[in-house]
Amino acid sequence: MQKRRAARRMAGLRPVQTWALFDAPLLRLTVMPSSKNDLQKPSQVMIDKILAVRRDRVGAVFGSLEADILTEVERRLAVFLGIAK
């Protein structure tokens, strides 16, 4: 029963995003600001920093990623986790 309640509170697994840019092309996907994503400065999705986040710990939305970038995040996650086809 506790596991089910905990699962409902989870927002899911999320790669962390950072503004401290590093040159690690396989582990960091750089996203440049645009009118579509509303980011204020260049950011990176940290493929190797996946976190489980409780819904009540998720803050306000500060931007969104386009479908092609999300597809690339999924592809890199699959490679990183060893589940790529």
N, C-alpha and C. Protein backbone atom coordinates (compact mmCIF):
# COMPACT_ATOMS: atom_id res chain seq x y z
N MET A 1 0.82 -1.19 0.00
CA MET A 1 0.00 0.00 0.00
C MET A 1 0.87 1.27 0.00
N GLN A 2 1.93 1.27 0.81
CA GLN A 2 2.81 2.43 0.85
C GLN A 2 3.49 2.66 -0.49
N LYS A 3 3.84 1.58 -1.18
CA LYS A 3 4.49 1.72 -2.48
C LYS A 3 3.56 2.41 -3.47
N ARG A 4 2.27 2.06 -3.45
CA ARG A 4 1.32 2.68 -4.36
C ARG A 4 1.17 4.17 -4.08
N ARG A 5 1.09 4.52 -2.79
CA ARG A 5 0.98 5.92 -2.42
C ARG A 5 2.23 6.69 -2.84
N ALA A 6 3.37 6.09 -2.63
CA ALA A 6 4.62 6.73 -3.01
C ALA A 6 4.68 6.91 -4.53
N ALA A 7 4.22 5.92 -5.28
CA ALA A 7 4.23 6.00 -6.74
C ALA A 7 3.33 7.14 -7.23
N ARG A 8 2.20 7.35 -6.57
CA ARG A 8 1.31 8.43 -6.98
C ARG A 8 1.92 9.80 -6.71
N ARG A 9 2.79 9.88 -5.71
CA ARG A 9 3.42 11.16 -5.37
C ARG A 9 4.59 11.48 -6.29
N MET A 10 5.07 10.48 -7.04
CA MET A 10 6.23 10.69 -7.89
C MET A 10 5.83 11.39 -9.18
N ALA A 11 6.59 12.37 -9.57
CA ALA A 11 6.37 13.04 -10.84
C ALA A 11 7.07 12.30 -11.97
N GLY A 12 7.96 11.40 -11.63
CA GLY A 12 8.67 10.62 -12.63
C GLY A 12 10.17 10.85 -12.56
N LEU A 13 10.86 10.14 -13.42
CA LEU A 13 12.31 10.30 -13.51
C LEU A 13 12.61 11.46 -14.44
N ARG A 14 13.47 12.34 -13.99
CA ARG A 14 13.80 13.53 -14.76
C ARG A 14 15.30 13.72 -14.85
N PRO A 15 15.80 13.95 -16.06
CA PRO A 15 17.20 14.37 -16.14
C PRO A 15 17.29 15.79 -15.58
N VAL A 16 18.34 16.07 -14.89
CA VAL A 16 18.54 17.39 -14.30
C VAL A 16 19.00 18.34 -15.39
N GLN A 17 18.64 19.60 -15.25
CA GLN A 17 19.08 20.62 -16.20
C GLN A 17 19.99 21.60 -15.47
N THR A 18 21.03 22.07 -16.13
CA THR A 18 21.97 22.98 -15.51
C THR A 18 22.33 24.12 -16.46
N TRP A 19 22.78 25.22 -15.86
CA TRP A 19 23.27 26.35 -16.66
C TRP A 19 24.80 26.36 -16.67
N ALA A 20 25.44 25.53 -15.88
CA ALA A 20 26.90 25.41 -15.89
C ALA A 20 27.26 24.48 -17.04
N LEU A 21 27.75 25.03 -18.13
CA LEU A 21 27.97 24.26 -19.35
C LEU A 21 29.30 23.52 -19.32
N PHE A 22 29.27 22.24 -19.73
CA PHE A 22 30.46 21.40 -19.80
C PHE A 22 30.55 20.78 -21.18
N ASP A 23 31.77 20.50 -21.64
CA ASP A 23 31.98 19.86 -22.92
C ASP A 23 31.97 18.35 -22.72
N ALA A 24 30.78 17.77 -22.75
CA ALA A 24 30.61 16.33 -22.62
C ALA A 24 29.46 15.93 -23.54
N PRO A 25 29.70 15.85 -24.84
CA PRO A 25 28.62 15.70 -25.82
C PRO A 25 27.69 14.50 -25.62
N LEU A 26 28.18 13.41 -25.09
CA LEU A 26 27.30 12.26 -24.90
C LEU A 26 26.45 12.38 -23.63
N LEU A 27 26.95 13.10 -22.64
CA LEU A 27 26.27 13.19 -21.36
C LEU A 27 25.54 14.50 -21.12
N ARG A 28 25.83 15.51 -21.94
CA ARG A 28 25.21 16.83 -21.78
C ARG A 28 24.64 17.27 -23.13
N LEU A 29 23.35 17.48 -23.18
CA LEU A 29 22.69 17.95 -24.39
C LEU A 29 22.45 19.45 -24.22
N THR A 30 23.14 20.26 -25.00
CA THR A 30 23.03 21.71 -24.89
C THR A 30 21.77 22.19 -25.59
N VAL A 31 21.02 23.06 -24.90
CA VAL A 31 19.79 23.64 -25.43
C VAL A 31 19.96 25.16 -25.39
N MET A 32 19.87 25.77 -26.55
CA MET A 32 20.02 27.21 -26.65
C MET A 32 18.66 27.89 -26.45
N PRO A 33 18.64 29.09 -25.88
CA PRO A 33 17.38 29.81 -25.69
C PRO A 33 16.69 30.10 -27.02
N SER A 34 15.38 30.03 -27.01
CA SER A 34 14.60 30.37 -28.20
C SER A 34 13.22 30.84 -27.75
N SER A 35 12.47 31.38 -28.68
CA SER A 35 11.11 31.81 -28.36
C SER A 35 10.19 30.62 -28.09
N LYS A 36 10.57 29.44 -28.60
CA LYS A 36 9.75 28.24 -28.39
C LYS A 36 9.96 27.62 -27.01
N ASN A 37 11.19 27.69 -26.45
CA ASN A 37 11.44 27.01 -25.18
C ASN A 37 11.46 27.95 -23.97
N ASP A 38 11.46 29.26 -24.20
CA ASP A 38 11.41 30.26 -23.13
C ASP A 38 12.58 30.22 -22.16
N LEU A 39 13.67 29.55 -22.53
CA LEU A 39 14.85 29.57 -21.67
C LEU A 39 15.52 30.94 -21.76
N GLN A 40 16.13 31.36 -20.67
CA GLN A 40 16.77 32.68 -20.62
C GLN A 40 18.24 32.63 -21.01
N LYS A 41 18.88 31.47 -20.83
CA LYS A 41 20.29 31.34 -21.18
C LYS A 41 20.57 29.91 -21.61
N PRO A 42 21.70 29.68 -22.28
CA PRO A 42 22.02 28.30 -22.70
C PRO A 42 22.02 27.35 -21.51
N SER A 43 21.45 26.18 -21.71
CA SER A 43 21.32 25.19 -20.64
C SER A 43 21.73 23.82 -21.18
N GLN A 44 21.93 22.89 -20.28
CA GLN A 44 22.23 21.52 -20.69
C GLN A 44 21.36 20.55 -19.92
N VAL A 45 20.86 19.54 -20.64
CA VAL A 45 20.19 18.41 -20.01
C VAL A 45 21.28 17.44 -19.60
N MET A 46 21.31 17.08 -18.33
CA MET A 46 22.36 16.21 -17.80
C MET A 46 21.88 14.76 -17.87
N ILE A 47 22.24 14.08 -18.94
CA ILE A 47 21.78 12.72 -19.22
C ILE A 47 22.19 11.76 -18.10
N ASP A 48 23.34 11.98 -17.50
CA ASP A 48 23.85 11.07 -16.46
C ASP A 48 23.37 11.42 -15.06
N LYS A 49 22.47 12.38 -14.93
CA LYS A 49 21.97 12.79 -13.61
C LYS A 49 20.45 12.65 -13.58
N ILE A 50 19.97 11.42 -13.56
CA ILE A 50 18.54 11.16 -13.55
C ILE A 50 18.08 11.10 -12.10
N LEU A 51 17.00 11.80 -11.79
CA LEU A 51 16.47 11.83 -10.43
C LEU A 51 15.00 11.46 -10.41
N ALA A 52 14.59 10.75 -9.37
CA ALA A 52 13.18 10.55 -9.11
C ALA A 52 12.73 11.73 -8.27
N VAL A 53 11.66 12.40 -8.71
CA VAL A 53 11.22 13.62 -8.04
C VAL A 53 9.78 13.47 -7.59
N ARG A 54 9.53 13.78 -6.32
CA ARG A 54 8.16 13.77 -5.81
C ARG A 54 7.41 14.97 -6.38
N ARG A 55 6.13 14.78 -6.66
CA ARG A 55 5.33 15.85 -7.26
C ARG A 55 5.36 17.13 -6.42
N ASP A 56 5.31 17.00 -5.12
CA ASP A 56 5.29 18.20 -4.28
C ASP A 56 6.63 18.92 -4.23
N ARG A 57 7.67 18.33 -4.79
CA ARG A 57 9.00 18.95 -4.81
C ARG A 57 9.32 19.61 -6.16
N VAL A 58 8.41 19.47 -7.13
CA VAL A 58 8.63 20.05 -8.45
C VAL A 58 8.24 21.53 -8.40
N GLY A 59 9.14 22.39 -8.85
CA GLY A 59 8.89 23.83 -8.83
C GLY A 59 8.13 24.30 -10.06
N ALA A 60 8.11 25.58 -10.22
CA ALA A 60 7.40 26.20 -11.34
C ALA A 60 8.11 25.89 -12.66
N VAL A 61 7.36 25.85 -13.71
CA VAL A 61 7.90 25.62 -15.05
C VAL A 61 8.70 26.85 -15.46
N PHE A 62 9.91 26.66 -15.99
CA PHE A 62 10.73 27.78 -16.42
C PHE A 62 11.05 27.71 -17.91
N GLY A 63 10.49 26.74 -18.59
CA GLY A 63 10.70 26.58 -20.03
C GLY A 63 10.18 25.24 -20.47
N SER A 64 10.21 25.00 -21.76
CA SER A 64 9.78 23.71 -22.30
C SER A 64 10.69 23.34 -23.46
N LEU A 65 10.78 22.05 -23.73
CA LEU A 65 11.66 21.58 -24.80
C LEU A 65 10.84 21.13 -25.99
N GLU A 66 11.37 21.39 -27.17
CA GLU A 66 10.72 20.98 -28.40
C GLU A 66 10.78 19.46 -28.54
N ALA A 67 9.89 18.92 -29.36
CA ALA A 67 9.79 17.47 -29.54
C ALA A 67 11.09 16.85 -30.02
N ASP A 68 11.81 17.52 -30.93
CA ASP A 68 13.05 16.94 -31.45
C ASP A 68 14.13 16.86 -30.36
N ILE A 69 14.15 17.81 -29.45
CA ILE A 69 15.11 17.78 -28.34
C ILE A 69 14.73 16.67 -27.36
N LEU A 70 13.44 16.53 -27.07
CA LEU A 70 13.00 15.45 -26.17
C LEU A 70 13.32 14.08 -26.76
N THR A 71 13.18 13.94 -28.08
CA THR A 71 13.53 12.68 -28.73
C THR A 71 15.01 12.38 -28.55
N GLU A 72 15.85 13.42 -28.68
CA GLU A 72 17.29 13.24 -28.50
C GLU A 72 17.62 12.89 -27.04
N VAL A 73 16.91 13.49 -26.09
CA VAL A 73 17.10 13.15 -24.67
C VAL A 73 16.76 11.67 -24.46
N GLU A 74 15.64 11.21 -24.99
CA GLU A 74 15.25 9.81 -24.87
C GLU A 74 16.29 8.88 -25.47
N ARG A 75 16.80 9.24 -26.65
CA ARG A 75 17.81 8.42 -27.33
C ARG A 75 19.07 8.32 -26.49
N ARG A 76 19.54 9.44 -25.99
CA ARG A 76 20.77 9.44 -25.18
C ARG A 76 20.56 8.71 -23.85
N LEU A 77 19.38 8.84 -23.26
CA LEU A 77 19.09 8.10 -22.03
C LEU A 77 19.13 6.60 -22.29
N ALA A 78 18.55 6.16 -23.39
CA ALA A 78 18.55 4.73 -23.73
C ALA A 78 19.97 4.21 -23.90
N VAL A 79 20.82 5.00 -24.56
CA VAL A 79 22.22 4.60 -24.73
C VAL A 79 22.93 4.56 -23.37
N PHE A 80 22.74 5.62 -22.58
CA PHE A 80 23.40 5.72 -21.28
C PHE A 80 22.99 4.57 -20.35
N LEU A 81 21.70 4.21 -20.38
CA LEU A 81 21.20 3.15 -19.51
C LEU A 81 21.42 1.76 -20.09
N GLY A 82 21.91 1.67 -21.32
CA GLY A 82 22.19 0.38 -21.93
C GLY A 82 20.96 -0.35 -22.44
N ILE A 83 19.91 0.40 -22.77
CA ILE A 83 18.67 -0.23 -23.25
C ILE A 83 18.36 0.17 -24.69
N ALA A 84 19.32 0.76 -25.38
CA ALA A 84 19.12 1.16 -26.78
C ALA A 84 19.04 -0.07 -27.66
N LYS A 85 18.22 0.02 -28.70
CA LYS A 85 18.07 -1.11 -29.64
C LYS A 85 19.12 -1.04 -30.70
